[in-house]
């Protein structure tokens, strides 16, 4: 696959320290890779997902997006929501309202029921926006949502940017 050139940045990428990775070393088109460890998601004070079966999608300038087995969510935690979107790499996304502990987060999760070639392993998996949840944990660390509200990456201490979605990054 052809790699596109890095866009010009308003600031320099953060240099990764020991045990860190730079999102500027991630590829475009994105790469899917298996994760290791545990992911937990809480909403409304309720644990709605606890799994060690996850994938992460890595794309230049974006913190990882975590794809979790739909079957690992607490029954009733995912309800289909209206609307779709299109990703040039992964295809048509469908959305979910996420429910837990008496709370609802509208269109706070998405999936690719029939992903485009190269992303077939995402079928049957769901990604969740970290911001509307009480807490999303990756190996015990609370993940922070990717800035801007449009992209669904989770920021942890082992990933450094600058990240797409932050102020001034619209043209990247």
Protein backbone atom coordinates (compact mmCIF):
# COMPACT_ATOMS: atom_id res chain seq x y z
CA UNK A 1 0.00 0.00 0.00
CA UNK A 2 1.16 3.51 -0.75
CA UNK A 3 2.07 5.72 2.20
CA UNK A 4 0.98 9.33 1.90
CA UNK A 5 3.24 12.18 2.94
CA UNK A 6 2.96 13.61 6.40
CA UNK A 7 0.99 16.85 6.41
CA UNK A 8 2.72 19.99 7.50
CA UNK A 9 2.17 20.58 11.19
CA UNK A 10 1.71 23.80 13.15
CA UNK A 11 3.93 22.26 15.85
CA UNK A 12 6.49 19.51 15.94
CA UNK A 13 5.36 16.00 16.89
CA UNK A 14 6.12 15.04 20.48
CA UNK A 15 9.22 12.87 20.73
CA UNK A 16 8.27 9.58 22.38
CA UNK A 17 9.99 8.59 25.60
CA UNK A 18 10.78 5.07 26.76
CA UNK A 19 7.74 2.82 26.41
CA UNK A 20 5.85 5.39 24.33
CA UNK A 21 4.83 5.46 20.68
CA UNK A 22 4.24 8.45 18.44
CA UNK A 23 1.04 8.65 16.40
CA UNK A 24 3.25 10.11 13.66
CA UNK A 25 4.81 6.68 13.27
CA UNK A 26 1.39 5.11 12.62
CA UNK A 27 0.59 4.35 8.95
CA UNK A 28 -1.92 5.72 6.50
CA UNK A 29 -3.95 3.78 5.43
CA UNK A 30 -4.55 2.62 9.01
CA UNK A 31 -3.26 -0.67 10.41
CA UNK A 32 -5.30 -3.08 12.52
CA UNK A 33 -3.44 -4.96 15.22
CA UNK A 34 -4.40 -7.16 18.16
CA UNK A 35 -4.12 -5.72 21.63
CA UNK A 36 -2.95 -7.31 24.82
CA UNK A 37 -4.31 -6.79 28.29
CA UNK A 38 -7.68 -5.69 29.51
CA UNK A 39 -10.21 -3.04 28.49
CA UNK A 40 -13.09 -2.00 30.73
CA UNK A 41 -15.85 0.55 30.10
CA UNK A 42 -18.17 2.06 32.72
CA UNK A 43 -21.36 4.05 32.16
CA UNK A 44 -23.82 5.18 34.81
CA UNK A 45 -21.58 3.60 37.42
CA UNK A 46 -22.04 0.19 35.78
CA UNK A 47 -19.36 -1.98 34.18
CA UNK A 48 -20.72 -2.50 30.65
CA UNK A 49 -17.65 -4.14 29.10
CA UNK A 50 -14.70 -6.13 30.45
CA UNK A 51 -12.61 -7.92 27.83
CA UNK A 52 -9.13 -9.06 26.90
CA UNK A 53 -10.18 -9.58 23.26
CA UNK A 54 -9.60 -6.32 21.43
CA UNK A 55 -8.07 -4.79 18.35
CA UNK A 56 -6.70 -1.32 17.86
CA UNK A 57 -6.66 0.69 14.66
CA UNK A 58 -3.62 2.89 14.24
CA UNK A 59 -3.67 5.81 11.80
CA UNK A 60 -1.22 8.67 11.30
CA UNK A 61 -1.92 11.56 13.70
CA UNK A 62 -4.68 9.72 15.61
CA UNK A 63 -4.55 8.01 18.99
CA UNK A 64 -5.61 4.35 18.75
CA UNK A 65 -9.25 3.44 18.24
CA UNK A 66 -10.19 0.28 20.17
CA UNK A 67 -12.53 -2.28 18.59
CA UNK A 68 -14.25 -4.58 21.06
CA UNK A 69 -16.37 -7.70 20.52
CA UNK A 70 -20.03 -6.75 20.39
CA UNK A 71 -20.82 -9.92 22.37
CA UNK A 72 -18.58 -8.73 25.25
CA UNK A 73 -20.89 -5.82 26.10
CA UNK A 74 -23.40 -6.22 28.90
CA UNK A 75 -26.76 -7.32 27.42
CA UNK A 76 -28.79 -4.21 26.54
CA UNK A 77 -25.75 -1.91 26.57
CA UNK A 78 -25.85 -1.34 22.80
CA UNK A 79 -28.97 -0.21 21.00
CA UNK A 80 -28.93 0.62 17.26
CA UNK A 81 -29.06 4.37 16.64
CA UNK A 82 -30.08 6.23 13.47
CA UNK A 83 -27.61 7.35 10.87
CA UNK A 84 -24.47 6.09 9.18
CA UNK A 85 -21.14 7.53 8.11
CA UNK A 86 -18.45 6.56 5.64
CA UNK A 87 -14.75 5.90 6.15
CA UNK A 88 -12.64 5.77 3.01
CA UNK A 89 -10.71 2.81 4.45
CA UNK A 90 -13.21 0.84 6.54
CA UNK A 91 -16.52 1.52 4.77
CA UNK A 92 -20.01 2.26 6.12
CA UNK A 93 -20.32 2.70 9.88
CA UNK A 94 -23.48 2.12 11.87
CA UNK A 95 -24.04 3.72 15.27
CA UNK A 96 -25.25 2.67 18.70
CA UNK A 97 -26.68 4.35 21.75
CA UNK A 98 -24.76 3.05 24.75
CA UNK A 99 -26.72 2.33 27.94
CA UNK A 100 -25.58 1.54 31.45
CA UNK A 101 -26.60 2.23 35.03
CA UNK A 102 -29.69 4.17 33.96
CA UNK A 103 -27.71 6.48 31.65
CA UNK A 104 -27.75 6.72 27.86
CA UNK A 105 -25.09 8.07 25.52
CA UNK A 106 -26.60 8.66 22.08
CA UNK A 107 -24.53 7.55 19.06
CA UNK A 108 -21.55 6.96 21.35
CA UNK A 109 -20.42 3.75 19.61
CA UNK A 110 -20.09 2.51 16.05
CA UNK A 111 -19.24 -0.56 14.02
CA UNK A 112 -18.50 -1.62 10.46
CA UNK A 113 -20.88 -4.54 9.80
CA UNK A 114 -19.36 -5.16 6.35
CA UNK A 115 -15.89 -3.59 6.40
CA UNK A 116 -14.00 -2.95 3.20
CA UNK A 117 -11.19 -5.32 2.15
CA UNK A 118 -8.24 -5.10 4.47
CA UNK A 119 -10.43 -4.47 7.53
CA UNK A 120 -12.51 -7.68 7.71
CA UNK A 121 -11.37 -8.37 11.28
CA UNK A 122 -13.43 -5.36 12.45
CA UNK A 123 -16.72 -7.15 11.60
CA UNK A 124 -18.61 -7.99 14.80
CA UNK A 125 -16.66 -5.39 16.77
CA UNK A 126 -17.69 -2.03 18.20
CA UNK A 127 -15.70 1.13 18.94
CA UNK A 128 -16.79 3.54 21.68
CA UNK A 129 -16.21 7.26 22.15
CA UNK A 130 -14.46 7.63 25.52
CA UNK A 131 -15.88 11.11 26.27
CA UNK A 132 -19.52 10.18 26.97
CA UNK A 133 -18.55 7.20 29.16
CA UNK A 134 -17.86 7.45 32.89
CA UNK A 135 -14.53 5.77 32.34
CA UNK A 136 -12.70 3.73 29.70
CA UNK A 137 -9.66 1.81 30.91
CA UNK A 138 -6.81 0.28 28.95
CA UNK A 139 -4.78 -2.05 31.15
CA UNK A 140 -5.96 -0.18 34.24
CA UNK A 141 -5.19 3.31 32.90
CA UNK A 142 -8.10 5.69 32.37
CA UNK A 143 -8.10 6.73 28.70
CA UNK A 144 -8.79 10.32 27.69
CA UNK A 145 -10.94 11.07 24.61
CA UNK A 146 -9.36 12.33 21.42
CA UNK A 147 -9.99 16.07 21.23
CA UNK A 148 -12.61 17.57 18.97
CA UNK A 149 -15.47 15.13 19.46
CA UNK A 150 -15.44 13.78 15.90
CA UNK A 151 -12.74 11.12 16.05
CA UNK A 152 -12.90 8.19 18.45
CA UNK A 153 -9.32 7.64 19.59
CA UNK A 154 -8.37 7.01 23.19
CA UNK A 155 -5.31 8.80 24.57
CA UNK A 156 -3.17 6.95 27.11
CA UNK A 157 0.20 7.84 28.59
CA UNK A 158 2.07 5.54 26.20
CA UNK A 159 0.88 7.46 23.09
CA UNK A 160 2.14 10.92 22.15
CA UNK A 161 0.97 13.42 19.46
CA UNK A 162 0.22 16.11 18.39
CA UNK A 163 -3.17 14.55 17.70
CA UNK A 164 -5.67 15.24 14.93
CA UNK A 165 -8.75 16.84 16.49
CA UNK A 166 -6.86 19.34 18.63
CA UNK A 167 -7.33 23.07 17.83
CA UNK A 168 -5.64 24.03 14.55
CA UNK A 169 -5.60 20.49 13.10
CA UNK A 170 -8.61 20.69 10.78
CA UNK A 171 -6.43 20.95 7.66
CA UNK A 172 -4.15 18.03 8.46
